[in-house]
């Protein structure tokens, strides 16, 4: 995670509302969403499909006017002056569209650099630098139509980097990328934040957000339901820690012993994993410590005649585990 200047806000979205449809039939996609991104800060925005993430990003990017609310980008009122605001931000929405298929990667970026008003004397070097940063310099002369989905996603990121914007809005930037390329993109996001760039990041990869984000907002049904670090999300979800282990298939009945023996502070789930049961115990906020949790599980299993598994591990809940515990509360 980067060290950020919370006094220098590059994005301030206040009380955003966005509705679609007519007066007699209106769908409210985003309702009273507020969020900030400081210089050098990565702000992770999580939520299920249809929760309002992309609509929020599009409003912050000036691609969609809010029904009500304010958006300020690097001190510029983005609702009143969208063109000025766009000069301060880079956007990655991804997808298959957005480039001229018959043009090369280099020519596509030169075109967008021209539209952005980059100085003609530095336009070519800015394009080459952006392509190098995303690992596409060696294929700069290939047509965009020849690119794979992952390569097009990297080209979107290169376009967002043109002009060295102070704010990046990244909507699922690693979708469709091979693991090694996704790792390179995460390294690049981290590097940009360390240099002072503010980043608003949406992702379905919980480990990615947990690794990169300084602050996390979880959105459900168009509203922010919780904001903070992983610990704050875990506390809101009511999951402080997890205990994981496996059991031989013949001992699947021990799960019922765990459910009755551990009581209300714990929720026990099991799933088939090869010839064994993979068991996860989710501990509520009042669970005292990982040591106590370990001992309670071992004691119940020993009393059930199973014995203590050698692979039993208790650790603080991950973002993914907390998010999964929240999932029922995020649906519309």
C-alpha atoms as a PDB file:
ATOM      1  CA  UNK A   1       0.000   0.000   0.000  1.00  0.00           C
ATOM      2  CA  UNK A   2       1.141   3.507  -0.788  1.00  0.00           C
ATOM      3  CA  UNK A   3       1.575   6.410   1.592  1.00  0.00           C
ATOM      4  CA  UNK A   4      -0.943   9.032   0.541  1.00  0.00           C
ATOM      5  CA  UNK A   5      -1.685  12.677   1.210  1.00  0.00           C
ATOM      6  CA  UNK A   6      -5.234  12.740   2.541  1.00  0.00           C
ATOM      7  CA  UNK A   7      -5.176  16.559   2.494  1.00  0.00           C
ATOM      8  CA  UNK A   8      -4.749  16.622  -1.301  1.00  0.00           C
ATOM      9  CA  UNK A   9      -7.957  15.219  -2.747  1.00  0.00           C
ATOM     10  CA  UNK A  10      -7.854  14.291  -6.411  1.00  0.00           C
ATOM     11  CA  UNK A  11     -11.426  13.004  -6.423  1.00  0.00           C
ATOM     12  CA  UNK A  12     -14.350  14.032  -4.266  1.00  0.00           C
ATOM     13  CA  UNK A  13     -17.730  12.572  -5.116  1.00  0.00           C
ATOM     14  CA  UNK A  14     -20.504  13.841  -2.854  1.00  0.00           C
ATOM     15  CA  UNK A  15     -24.019  12.423  -2.491  1.00  0.00           C
ATOM     16  CA  UNK A  16     -24.154  11.012  -6.005  1.00  0.00           C
ATOM     17  CA  UNK A  17     -27.524   9.839  -7.271  1.00  0.00           C
ATOM     18  CA  UNK A  18     -28.160   8.366 -10.703  1.00  0.00           C
ATOM     19  CA  UNK A  19     -31.552   7.162 -11.859  1.00  0.00           C
ATOM     20  CA  UNK A  20     -32.675   5.809 -15.217  1.00  0.00           C
ATOM     21  CA  UNK A  21     -36.060   5.698 -16.891  1.00  0.00           C
ATOM     22  CA  UNK A  22     -39.109   7.915 -16.859  1.00  0.00           C
ATOM     23  CA  UNK A  23     -40.973   9.452 -13.950  1.00  0.00           C
ATOM     24  CA  UNK A  24     -43.557   6.677 -13.894  1.00  0.00           C
ATOM     25  CA  UNK A  25     -40.914   3.947 -13.961  1.00  0.00           C
ATOM     26  CA  UNK A  26     -37.542   4.916 -12.507  1.00  0.00           C
ATOM     27  CA  UNK A  27     -34.630   2.695 -11.555  1.00  0.00           C
ATOM     28  CA  UNK A  28     -32.177   4.208  -9.070  1.00  0.00           C
ATOM     29  CA  UNK A  29     -28.771   2.705  -9.874  1.00  0.00           C
ATOM     30  CA  UNK A  30     -26.765   4.828  -7.424  1.00  0.00           C
ATOM     31  CA  UNK A  31     -28.237   6.422  -4.317  1.00  0.00           C
ATOM     32  CA  UNK A  32     -26.351   8.907  -2.121  1.00  0.00           C
ATOM     33  CA  UNK A  33     -22.820   7.616  -2.786  1.00  0.00           C
ATOM     34  CA  UNK A  34     -19.898   9.679  -1.511  1.00  0.00           C
ATOM     35  CA  UNK A  35     -16.209   8.810  -1.761  1.00  0.00           C
ATOM     36  CA  UNK A  36     -12.805  10.482  -1.879  1.00  0.00           C
ATOM     37  CA  UNK A  37      -9.448   9.592  -3.417  1.00  0.00           C
ATOM     38  CA  UNK A  38      -6.333  11.332  -2.130  1.00  0.00           C
ATOM     39  CA  UNK A  39      -2.988  11.778  -3.841  1.00  0.00           C
ATOM     40  CA  UNK A  40      -1.107   8.475  -3.707  1.00  0.00           C
ATOM     41  CA  UNK A  41      -4.179   6.626  -2.441  1.00  0.00           C
ATOM     42  CA  UNK A  42      -5.759   3.498  -3.884  1.00  0.00           C
ATOM     43  CA  UNK A  43      -9.472   3.385  -3.052  1.00  0.00           C
ATOM     44  CA  UNK A  44     -11.043  -0.008  -3.727  1.00  0.00           C
ATOM     45  CA  UNK A  45     -14.738  -0.109  -4.672  1.00  0.00           C
ATOM     46  CA  UNK A  46     -16.342  -3.545  -4.258  1.00  0.00           C
ATOM     47  CA  UNK A  47     -19.810  -4.862  -4.906  1.00  0.00           C
ATOM     48  CA  UNK A  48     -21.753  -7.489  -6.851  1.00  0.00           C
ATOM     49  CA  UNK A  49     -22.745  -7.037 -10.479  1.00  0.00           C
ATOM     50  CA  UNK A  50     -25.497  -4.439 -10.738  1.00  0.00           C
ATOM     51  CA  UNK A  51     -24.604  -2.809  -7.423  1.00  0.00           C
ATOM     52  CA  UNK A  52     -23.671   0.525  -9.011  1.00  0.00           C
ATOM     53  CA  UNK A  53     -19.871   0.307  -9.268  1.00  0.00           C
ATOM     54  CA  UNK A  54     -19.509   1.054 -12.972  1.00  0.00           C
ATOM     55  CA  UNK A  55     -22.222   3.726 -12.862  1.00  0.00           C
ATOM     56  CA  UNK A  56     -20.299   5.433 -10.057  1.00  0.00           C
ATOM     57  CA  UNK A  57     -17.030   5.231 -11.997  1.00  0.00           C
ATOM     58  CA  UNK A  58     -18.688   6.621 -15.130  1.00  0.00           C
ATOM     59  CA  UNK A  59     -20.053   9.588 -13.182  1.00  0.00           C
ATOM     60  CA  UNK A  60     -16.629  10.260 -11.682  1.00  0.00           C
ATOM     61  CA  UNK A  61     -15.148  10.062 -15.202  1.00  0.00           C
ATOM     62  CA  UNK A  62     -17.695  12.616 -16.562  1.00  0.00           C
ATOM     63  CA  UNK A  63     -19.090  10.007 -18.976  1.00  0.00           C
ATOM     64  CA  UNK A  64     -22.432  10.061 -17.187  1.00  0.00           C
ATOM     65  CA  UNK A  65     -24.025  13.101 -15.575  1.00  0.00           C
ATOM     66  CA  UNK A  66     -25.335  12.475 -12.063  1.00  0.00           C
ATOM     67  CA  UNK A  67     -29.033  13.007 -11.421  1.00  0.00           C
ATOM     68  CA  UNK A  68     -27.856  14.902  -8.369  1.00  0.00           C
ATOM     69  CA  UNK A  69     -24.657  15.289  -6.397  1.00  0.00           C
ATOM     70  CA  UNK A  70     -21.194  16.685  -7.055  1.00  0.00           C
ATOM     71  CA  UNK A  71     -17.948  15.398  -8.555  1.00  0.00           C
ATOM     72  CA  UNK A  72     -14.677  17.299  -8.142  1.00  0.00           C
ATOM     73  CA  UNK A  73     -11.538  16.145  -9.960  1.00  0.00           C
ATOM     74  CA  UNK A  74      -8.273  17.723  -8.816  1.00  0.00           C
ATOM     75  CA  UNK A  75     -10.135  20.851  -7.720  1.00  0.00           C
ATOM     76  CA  UNK A  76     -12.289  21.092 -10.873  1.00  0.00           C
ATOM     77  CA  UNK A  77     -16.086  20.903 -10.774  1.00  0.00           C
ATOM     78  CA  UNK A  78     -16.457  17.940 -13.131  1.00  0.00           C
ATOM     79  CA  UNK A  79     -20.225  18.335 -13.531  1.00  0.00           C
ATOM     80  CA  UNK A  80     -19.943  21.936 -14.734  1.00  0.00           C
ATOM     81  CA  UNK A  81     -16.601  21.607 -16.523  1.00  0.00           C
ATOM     82  CA  UNK A  82     -16.307  17.991 -17.727  1.00  0.00           C
ATOM     83  CA  UNK A  83     -13.723  18.688 -20.445  1.00  0.00           C
ATOM     84  CA  UNK A  84     -11.352  20.368 -17.991  1.00  0.00           C
ATOM     85  CA  UNK A  85     -11.803  17.502 -15.534  1.00  0.00           C
ATOM     86  CA  UNK A  86     -11.076  14.878 -18.198  1.00  0.00           C
ATOM     87  CA  UNK A  87      -7.640  16.376 -18.782  1.00  0.00           C
ATOM     88  CA  UNK A  88      -6.718  15.392 -15.198  1.00  0.00           C
ATOM     89  CA  UNK A  89      -7.851  11.777 -15.235  1.00  0.00           C
ATOM     90  CA  UNK A  90      -7.234   8.477 -16.993  1.00  0.00           C
ATOM     91  CA  UNK A  91      -9.966   5.877 -17.357  1.00  0.00           C
ATOM     92  CA  UNK A  92      -9.990   2.118 -17.940  1.00  0.00           C
ATOM     93  CA  UNK A  93     -13.404   0.604 -18.598  1.00  0.00           C
ATOM     94  CA  UNK A  94     -11.992  -2.265 -20.666  1.00  0.00           C
ATOM     95  CA  UNK A  95     -14.051  -4.380 -22.996  1.00  0.00           C
ATOM     96  CA  UNK A  96     -13.740  -5.155 -26.679  1.00  0.00           C
ATOM     97  CA  UNK A  97     -14.511  -1.669 -28.020  1.00  0.00           C
ATOM     98  CA  UNK A  98     -12.712   1.650 -27.935  1.00  0.00           C
ATOM     99  CA  UNK A  99      -9.998   1.259 -30.598  1.00  0.00           C
ATOM    100  CA  UNK A 100      -9.822   1.406 -34.373  1.00  0.00           C
ATOM    101  CA  UNK A 101      -9.312  -2.256 -35.368  1.00  0.00           C
ATOM    102  CA  UNK A 102      -7.405  -1.529 -38.597  1.00  0.00           C
ATOM    103  CA  UNK A 103      -4.990   0.880 -36.927  1.00  0.00           C
ATOM    104  CA  UNK A 104      -1.879  -0.209 -35.067  1.00  0.00           C
ATOM    105  CA  UNK A 105      -1.601   0.052 -31.308  1.00  0.00           C
ATOM    106  CA  UNK A 106       0.815   2.958 -31.744  1.00  0.00           C
ATOM    107  CA  UNK A 107      -1.449   4.834 -34.162  1.00  0.00           C
ATOM    108  CA  UNK A 108      -4.471   4.304 -31.932  1.00  0.00           C
ATOM    109  CA  UNK A 109      -2.658   5.885 -29.003  1.00  0.00           C
ATOM    110  CA  UNK A 110      -1.264   8.697 -31.158  1.00  0.00           C
ATOM    111  CA  UNK A 111      -4.834   9.481 -32.195  1.00  0.00           C
ATOM    112  CA  UNK A 112      -6.041   9.600 -28.589  1.00  0.00           C
ATOM    113  CA  UNK A 113      -2.993  11.622 -27.538  1.00  0.00           C
ATOM    114  CA  UNK A 114      -3.922  14.162 -30.210  1.00  0.00           C
ATOM    115  CA  UNK A 115      -7.537  14.298 -28.997  1.00  0.00           C
ATOM    116  CA  UNK A 116      -6.307  14.834 -25.434  1.00  0.00           C
ATOM    117  CA  UNK A 117      -4.263  17.796 -26.625  1.00  0.00           C
ATOM    118  CA  UNK A 118      -0.831  16.416 -25.776  1.00  0.00           C
ATOM    119  CA  UNK A 119       1.970  18.594 -27.106  1.00  0.00           C
ATOM    120  CA  UNK A 120       2.938  17.363 -30.590  1.00  0.00           C
ATOM    121  CA  UNK A 121       6.626  17.395 -29.653  1.00  0.00           C
ATOM    122  CA  UNK A 122       6.165  14.870 -26.856  1.00  0.00           C
ATOM    123  CA  UNK A 123       3.223  12.925 -28.245  1.00  0.00           C
ATOM    124  CA  UNK A 124       5.283  10.085 -29.734  1.00  0.00           C
ATOM    125  CA  UNK A 125       7.453   9.631 -26.633  1.00  0.00           C
ATOM    126  CA  UNK A 126       4.345   9.636 -24.407  1.00  0.00           C
ATOM    127  CA  UNK A 127       2.803   6.854 -26.508  1.00  0.00           C
ATOM    128  CA  UNK A 128       5.967   4.730 -26.457  1.00  0.00           C
ATOM    129  CA  UNK A 129       6.300   5.235 -22.686  1.00  0.00           C
ATOM    130  CA  UNK A 130       2.682   4.142 -22.123  1.00  0.00           C
ATOM    131  CA  UNK A 131       3.131   1.053 -24.311  1.00  0.00           C
ATOM    132  CA  UNK A 132       6.337   0.113 -22.489  1.00  0.00           C
ATOM    133  CA  UNK A 133       4.657   0.440 -19.108  1.00  0.00           C
ATOM    134  CA  UNK A 134       2.006  -2.114 -20.033  1.00  0.00           C
ATOM    135  CA  UNK A 135       4.362  -4.450 -21.898  1.00  0.00           C
ATOM    136  CA  UNK A 136       3.109  -3.744 -25.431  1.00  0.00           C
ATOM    137  CA  UNK A 137       6.077  -1.860 -26.897  1.00  0.00           C
ATOM    138  CA  UNK A 138       7.198  -4.877 -28.937  1.00  0.00           C
ATOM    139  CA  UNK A 139       3.787  -5.173 -30.634  1.00  0.00           C
ATOM    140  CA  UNK A 140       3.229  -1.453 -31.174  1.00  0.00           C
ATOM    141  CA  UNK A 141       3.077  -1.980 -34.958  1.00  0.00           C
ATOM    142  CA  UNK A 142       0.416  -4.693 -34.816  1.00  0.00           C
ATOM    143  CA  UNK A 143      -3.210  -3.866 -35.595  1.00  0.00           C
ATOM    144  CA  UNK A 144      -5.631  -3.678 -32.691  1.00  0.00           C
ATOM    145  CA  UNK A 145      -7.803  -6.299 -34.419  1.00  0.00           C
ATOM    146  CA  UNK A 146      -4.981  -8.816 -33.950  1.00  0.00           C
ATOM    147  CA  UNK A 147      -4.842  -8.313 -30.186  1.00  0.00           C
ATOM    148  CA  UNK A 148      -6.178 -10.859 -27.722  1.00  0.00           C
ATOM    149  CA  UNK A 149      -8.634  -9.745 -25.051  1.00  0.00           C
ATOM    150  CA  UNK A 150      -5.836  -9.417 -22.516  1.00  0.00           C
ATOM    151  CA  UNK A 151      -3.715  -7.351 -24.906  1.00  0.00           C
ATOM    152  CA  UNK A 152      -6.658  -5.036 -25.592  1.00  0.00           C
ATOM    153  CA  UNK A 153      -7.127  -4.624 -21.850  1.00  0.00           C
ATOM    154  CA  UNK A 154      -3.497  -3.554 -21.558  1.00  0.00           C
ATOM    155  CA  UNK A 155      -3.988  -1.158 -24.463  1.00  0.00           C
ATOM    156  CA  UNK A 156      -6.888   0.409 -22.553  1.00  0.00           C
ATOM    157  CA  UNK A 157      -4.543   0.885 -19.605  1.00  0.00           C
ATOM    158  CA  UNK A 158      -1.879   2.428 -21.852  1.00  0.00           C
ATOM    159  CA  UNK A 159      -4.465   4.886 -23.164  1.00  0.00           C
ATOM    160  CA  UNK A 160      -5.375   5.841 -19.589  1.00  0.00           C
ATOM    161  CA  UNK A 161      -1.709   6.588 -18.839  1.00  0.00           C
ATOM    162  CA  UNK A 162      -1.307   9.093 -21.691  1.00  0.00           C
ATOM    163  CA  UNK A 163      -0.425  12.505 -20.332  1.00  0.00           C
ATOM    164  CA  UNK A 164       0.463  11.166 -16.853  1.00  0.00           C
ATOM    165  CA  UNK A 165      -2.940  11.940 -15.260  1.00  0.00           C
ATOM    166  CA  UNK A 166      -3.106  12.716 -11.554  1.00  0.00           C
ATOM    167  CA  UNK A 167      -6.159  10.456 -11.120  1.00  0.00           C
ATOM    168  CA  UNK A 168      -6.809   6.972 -12.524  1.00  0.00           C
ATOM    169  CA  UNK A 169     -10.241   5.349 -12.596  1.00  0.00           C
ATOM    170  CA  UNK A 170      -9.754   1.615 -13.141  1.00  0.00           C
ATOM    171  CA  UNK A 171     -12.864  -0.507 -13.645  1.00  0.00           C
ATOM    172  CA  UNK A 172     -11.812  -4.179 -13.586  1.00  0.00           C
ATOM    173  CA  UNK A 173      -8.335  -3.461 -15.037  1.00  0.00           C
ATOM    174  CA  UNK A 174      -7.075  -7.065 -14.834  1.00  0.00           C
ATOM    175  CA  UNK A 175     -10.151  -8.793 -16.268  1.00  0.00           C
ATOM    176  CA  UNK A 176      -9.129 -11.245 -18.987  1.00  0.00           C
ATOM    177  CA  UNK A 177      -5.420 -11.018 -18.235  1.00  0.00           C
ATOM    178  CA  UNK A 178      -3.099 -13.969 -17.693  1.00  0.00           C
ATOM    179  CA  UNK A 179      -1.879 -14.203 -14.078  1.00  0.00           C
ATOM    180  CA  UNK A 180       1.619 -12.957 -14.909  1.00  0.00           C
ATOM    181  CA  UNK A 181       0.266  -9.948 -16.833  1.00  0.00           C
ATOM    182  CA  UNK A 182      -2.250  -9.197 -14.070  1.00  0.00           C
ATOM    183  CA  UNK A 183       0.667  -9.171 -11.631  1.00  0.00           C
ATOM    184  CA  UNK A 184       2.478  -6.643 -13.844  1.00  0.00           C
ATOM    185  CA  UNK A 185      -0.614  -4.419 -13.875  1.00  0.00           C
ATOM    186  CA  UNK A 186      -0.870  -4.567 -10.072  1.00  0.00           C
ATOM    187  CA  UNK A 187       2.808  -3.658  -9.799  1.00  0.00           C
ATOM    188  CA  UNK A 188       2.192  -0.709 -12.122  1.00  0.00           C
ATOM    189  CA  UNK A 189      -0.794   0.499 -10.079  1.00  0.00           C
ATOM    190  CA  UNK A 190       1.318   0.283  -6.925  1.00  0.00           C
ATOM    191  CA  UNK A 191       4.165   2.182  -8.590  1.00  0.00           C
ATOM    192  CA  UNK A 192       1.829   4.940  -9.823  1.00  0.00           C
ATOM    193  CA  UNK A 193       0.317   5.357  -6.363  1.00  0.00           C
ATOM    194  CA  UNK A 194       3.776   5.600  -4.820  1.00  0.00           C
ATOM    195  CA  UNK A 195       4.474   8.456  -7.247  1.00  0.00           C
ATOM    196  CA  UNK A 196       1.380  10.326  -6.048  1.00  0.00           C
ATOM    197  CA  UNK A 197      -1.302   9.213  -8.511  1.00  0.00           C
ATOM    198  CA  UNK A 198      -4.738   8.711  -6.979  1.00  0.00           C
ATOM    199  CA  UNK A 199      -6.518   5.499  -8.016  1.00  0.00           C
ATOM    200  CA  UNK A 200     -10.158   4.443  -7.809  1.00  0.00           C
ATOM    201  CA  UNK A 201     -10.154   0.682  -8.405  1.00  0.00           C
ATOM    202  CA  UNK A 202     -13.034  -1.721  -8.929  1.00  0.00           C
ATOM    203  CA  UNK A 203     -12.298  -5.425  -9.103  1.00  0.00           C
ATOM    204  CA  UNK A 204     -13.864  -8.826  -8.542  1.00  0.00           C
ATOM    205  CA  UNK A 205     -10.467 -10.050  -7.323  1.00  0.00           C
ATOM    206  CA  UNK A 206     -10.542  -9.706  -3.551  1.00  0.00           C
ATOM    207  CA  UNK A 207      -6.827 -10.543  -3.125  1.00  0.00           C
ATOM    208  CA  UNK A 208      -6.038  -7.787  -5.643  1.00  0.00           C
ATOM    209  CA  UNK A 209      -8.029  -5.189  -3.701  1.00  0.00           C
ATOM    210  CA  UNK A 210      -6.693  -6.411  -0.361  1.00  0.00           C
ATOM    211  CA  UNK A 211      -3.140  -6.097  -1.698  1.00  0.00           C
ATOM    212  CA  UNK A 212      -3.482  -2.663  -3.301  1.00  0.00           C
ATOM    213  CA  UNK A 213      -6.175  -0.650  -1.538  1.00  0.00           C
ATOM    214  CA  UNK A 214      -5.541   1.800   1.295  1.00  0.00           C
ATOM    215  CA  UNK A 215      -9.281   2.101   1.868  1.00  0.00           C
ATOM    216  CA  UNK A 216     -12.186  -0.059   0.724  1.00  0.00           C
ATOM    217  CA  UNK A 217     -15.811   0.885   0.071  1.00  0.00           C
ATOM    218  CA  UNK A 218     -18.389  -1.870  -0.369  1.00  0.00           C
ATOM    219  CA  UNK A 219     -21.464  -0.921  -2.389  1.00  0.00           C
ATOM    220  CA  UNK A 220     -24.720  -2.826  -2.428  1.00  0.00           C
ATOM    221  CA  UNK A 221     -28.023  -1.905  -4.091  1.00  0.00           C
ATOM    222  CA  UNK A 222     -26.582   1.477  -5.052  1.00  0.00           C
ATOM    223  CA  UNK A 223     -25.440   2.486  -1.547  1.00  0.00           C
ATOM    224  CA  UNK A 224     -22.145   2.318   0.327  1.00  0.00           C
ATOM    225  CA  UNK A 225     -22.725  -0.147   3.159  1.00  0.00           C
ATOM    226  CA  UNK A 226     -19.286  -0.103   4.789  1.00  0.00           C
ATOM    227  CA  UNK A 227     -15.984   1.731   4.329  1.00  0.00           C
ATOM    228  CA  UNK A 228     -12.560   1.245   5.879  1.00  0.00           C
ATOM    229  CA  UNK A 229      -9.782  -1.318   5.974  1.00  0.00           C
ATOM    230  CA  UNK A 230     -10.101  -5.090   5.794  1.00  0.00           C
ATOM    231  CA  UNK A 231     -10.667  -5.184   9.548  1.00  0.00           C
ATOM    232  CA  UNK A 232     -13.565  -2.734   9.271  1.00  0.00           C
ATOM    233  CA  UNK A 233     -15.210  -4.771   6.511  1.00  0.00           C
ATOM    234  CA  UNK A 234     -14.687  -7.965   8.527  1.00  0.00           C
ATOM    235  CA  UNK A 235     -16.189  -6.406  11.659  1.00  0.00           C
ATOM    236  CA  UNK A 236     -19.218  -5.178   9.719  1.00  0.00           C
ATOM    237  CA  UNK A 237     -19.644  -8.634   8.201  1.00  0.00           C
ATOM    238  CA  UNK A 238     -19.407 -10.208  11.648  1.00  0.00           C
ATOM    239  CA  UNK A 239     -16.393 -12.344  10.738  1.00  0.00           C
ATOM    240  CA  UNK A 240     -13.207 -11.753  12.706  1.00  0.00           C
ATOM    241  CA  UNK A 241     -11.253 -14.918  11.857  1.00  0.00           C
ATOM    242  CA  UNK A 242     -11.466 -18.238  10.051  1.00  0.00           C
ATOM    243  CA  UNK A 243     -10.281 -21.722  10.926  1.00  0.00           C
ATOM    244  CA  UNK A 244      -9.636 -24.045   7.990  1.00  0.00           C
ATOM    245  CA  UNK A 245      -8.765 -27.740   7.845  1.00  0.00           C
ATOM    246  CA  UNK A 246      -9.642 -30.939   6.011  1.00  0.00           C
ATOM    247  CA  UNK A 247     -11.214 -34.176   7.214  1.00  0.00           C
ATOM    248  CA  UNK A 248     -11.325 -37.655   5.674  1.00  0.00           C
ATOM    249  CA  UNK A 249     -14.591 -38.322   3.850  1.00  0.00           C
ATOM    250  CA  UNK A 250     -15.674 -40.815   6.525  1.00  0.00           C
ATOM    251  CA  UNK A 251     -15.610 -38.067   9.191  1.00  0.00           C
ATOM    252  CA  UNK A 252     -18.032 -35.691   7.476  1.00  0.00           C
ATOM    253  CA  UNK A 253     -20.420 -36.114  10.409  1.00  0.00           C
ATOM    254  CA  UNK A 254     -17.963 -34.293  12.657  1.00  0.00           C
ATOM    255  CA  UNK A 255     -19.161 -31.045  11.108  1.00  0.00           C
ATOM    256  CA  UNK A 256     -22.464 -31.373  12.980  1.00  0.00           C
ATOM    257  CA  UNK A 257     -20.510 -31.876  16.193  1.00  0.00           C
ATOM    258  CA  UNK A 258     -18.644 -28.650  15.455  1.00  0.00           C
ATOM    259  CA  UNK A 259     -21.863 -26.740  14.807  1.00  0.00           C
ATOM    260  CA  UNK A 260     -23.390 -27.819  18.104  1.00  0.00           C
ATOM    261  CA  UNK A 261     -20.167 -27.695  20.106  1.00  0.00           C
ATOM    262  CA  UNK A 262     -18.917 -24.266  19.007  1.00  0.00           C
ATOM    263  CA  UNK A 263     -22.261 -22.505  19.297  1.00  0.00           C
ATOM    264  CA  UNK A 264     -23.304 -19.083  18.012  1.00  0.00           C
ATOM    265  CA  UNK A 265     -19.872 -17.399  17.722  1.00  0.00           C
ATOM    266  CA  UNK A 266     -19.043 -19.742  14.842  1.00  0.00           C
ATOM    267  CA  UNK A 267     -20.534 -20.686  11.480  1.00  0.00           C
ATOM    268  CA  UNK A 268     -19.280 -23.964  10.027  1.00  0.00           C
ATOM    269  CA  UNK A 269     -19.258 -24.761   6.309  1.00  0.00           C
ATOM    270  CA  UNK A 270     -17.974 -27.812   4.466  1.00  0.00           C
ATOM    271  CA  UNK A 271     -17.370 -28.681   0.824  1.00  0.00           C
ATOM    272  CA  UNK A 272     -16.031 -31.727  -0.975  1.00  0.00           C
ATOM    273  CA  UNK A 273     -12.351 -31.547  -1.910  1.00  0.00           C
ATOM    274  CA  UNK A 274     -11.072 -34.683  -3.676  1.00  0.00           C
ATOM    275  CA  UNK A 275     -11.568 -37.526  -1.206  1.00  0.00           C
ATOM    276  CA  UNK A 276     -11.767 -35.207   1.811  1.00  0.00           C
ATOM    277  CA  UNK A 277     -13.988 -32.536   3.325  1.00  0.00           C
ATOM    278  CA  UNK A 278     -12.668 -28.981   3.323  1.00  0.00           C
ATOM    279  CA  UNK A 279     -14.058 -27.306   6.447  1.00  0.00           C
ATOM    280  CA  UNK A 280     -14.138 -23.589   7.234  1.00  0.00           C
ATOM    281  CA  UNK A 281     -15.195 -22.124  10.575  1.00  0.00           C
ATOM    282  CA  UNK A 282     -16.159 -18.444  10.422  1.00  0.00           C
ATOM    283  CA  UNK A 283     -15.735 -16.781  13.797  1.00  0.00           C
ATOM    284  CA  UNK A 284     -17.929 -13.871  14.783  1.00  0.00           C
ATOM    285  CA  UNK A 285     -16.470 -10.642  16.106  1.00  0.00           C
ATOM    286  CA  UNK A 286     -16.589 -11.815  19.713  1.00  0.00           C
ATOM    287  CA  UNK A 287     -14.126 -14.669  19.100  1.00  0.00           C
ATOM    288  CA  UNK A 288     -11.265 -13.834  21.467  1.00  0.00           C
ATOM    289  CA  UNK A 289      -8.087 -14.976  19.738  1.00  0.00           C
ATOM    290  CA  UNK A 290      -6.718 -17.356  17.137  1.00  0.00           C
ATOM    291  CA  UNK A 291      -5.247 -19.511  19.913  1.00  0.00           C
ATOM    292  CA  UNK A 292      -8.615 -19.870  21.649  1.00  0.00           C
ATOM    293  CA  UNK A 293     -10.293 -20.634  18.328  1.00  0.00           C
ATOM    294  CA  UNK A 294      -7.760 -23.370  17.569  1.00  0.00           C
ATOM    295  CA  UNK A 295      -8.252 -24.933  20.975  1.00  0.00           C
ATOM    296  CA  UNK A 296     -12.050 -24.901  20.744  1.00  0.00           C
ATOM    297  CA  UNK A 297     -12.045 -26.635  17.357  1.00  0.00           C
ATOM    298  CA  UNK A 298      -9.468 -29.219  18.440  1.00  0.00           C
ATOM    299  CA  UNK A 299     -11.391 -29.983  21.626  1.00  0.00           C
ATOM    300  CA  UNK A 300     -14.688 -30.570  19.802  1.00  0.00           C
ATOM    301  CA  UNK A 301     -13.037 -32.790  17.178  1.00  0.00           C
ATOM    302  CA  UNK A 302     -11.192 -34.861  19.790  1.00  0.00           C
ATOM    303  CA  UNK A 303     -14.407 -35.342  21.768  1.00  0.00           C
ATOM    304  CA  UNK A 304     -16.108 -36.421  18.518  1.00  0.00           C
ATOM    305  CA  UNK A 305     -13.452 -39.118  18.097  1.00  0.00           C
ATOM    306  CA  UNK A 306     -11.872 -37.518  15.038  1.00  0.00           C
ATOM    307  CA  UNK A 307      -8.685 -36.086  16.486  1.00  0.00           C
ATOM    308  CA  UNK A 308      -7.028 -32.772  15.695  1.00  0.00           C
ATOM    309  CA  UNK A 309      -6.253 -32.282  11.972  1.00  0.00           C
ATOM    310  CA  UNK A 310      -2.609 -31.573  11.171  1.00  0.00           C
ATOM    311  CA  UNK A 311      -3.549 -28.853   8.655  1.00  0.00           C
ATOM    312  CA  UNK A 312      -5.731 -26.837  11.048  1.00  0.00           C
ATOM    313  CA  UNK A 313      -5.002 -23.096  10.747  1.00  0.00           C
ATOM    314  CA  UNK A 314      -6.730 -20.062  12.261  1.00  0.00           C
ATOM    315  CA  UNK A 315      -6.023 -16.566  10.910  1.00  0.00           C
ATOM    316  CA  UNK A 316      -7.711 -13.174  10.629  1.00  0.00           C
ATOM    317  CA  UNK A 317     -10.504 -13.161   8.064  1.00  0.00           C
ATOM    318  CA  UNK A 318      -9.456 -12.198   4.551  1.00  0.00           C
ATOM    319  CA  UNK A 319     -11.315  -9.573   2.546  1.00  0.00           C
ATOM    320  CA  UNK A 320     -12.790 -12.310   0.363  1.00  0.00           C
ATOM    321  CA  UNK A 321     -14.143 -14.194   3.382  1.00  0.00           C
ATOM    322  CA  UNK A 322     -15.640 -11.018   4.841  1.00  0.00           C
ATOM    323  CA  UNK A 323     -17.153 -10.068   1.486  1.00  0.00           C
ATOM    324  CA  UNK A 324     -18.733 -13.501   1.049  1.00  0.00           C
ATOM    325  CA  UNK A 325     -20.259 -13.194   4.510  1.00  0.00           C
ATOM    326  CA  UNK A 326     -21.762  -9.868   3.383  1.00  0.00           C
ATOM    327  CA  UNK A 327     -23.125 -11.080   0.054  1.00  0.00           C
ATOM    328  CA  UNK A 328     -26.731 -11.564   1.176  1.00  0.00           C
ATOM    329  CA  UNK A 329     -26.843  -7.965   2.428  1.00  0.00           C
ATOM    330  CA  UNK A 330     -25.611  -6.527  -0.891  1.00  0.00           C
ATOM    331  CA  UNK A 331     -28.344  -7.816  -3.195  1.00  0.00           C
ATOM    332  CA  UNK A 332     -31.034  -5.496  -4.513  1.00  0.00           C
END
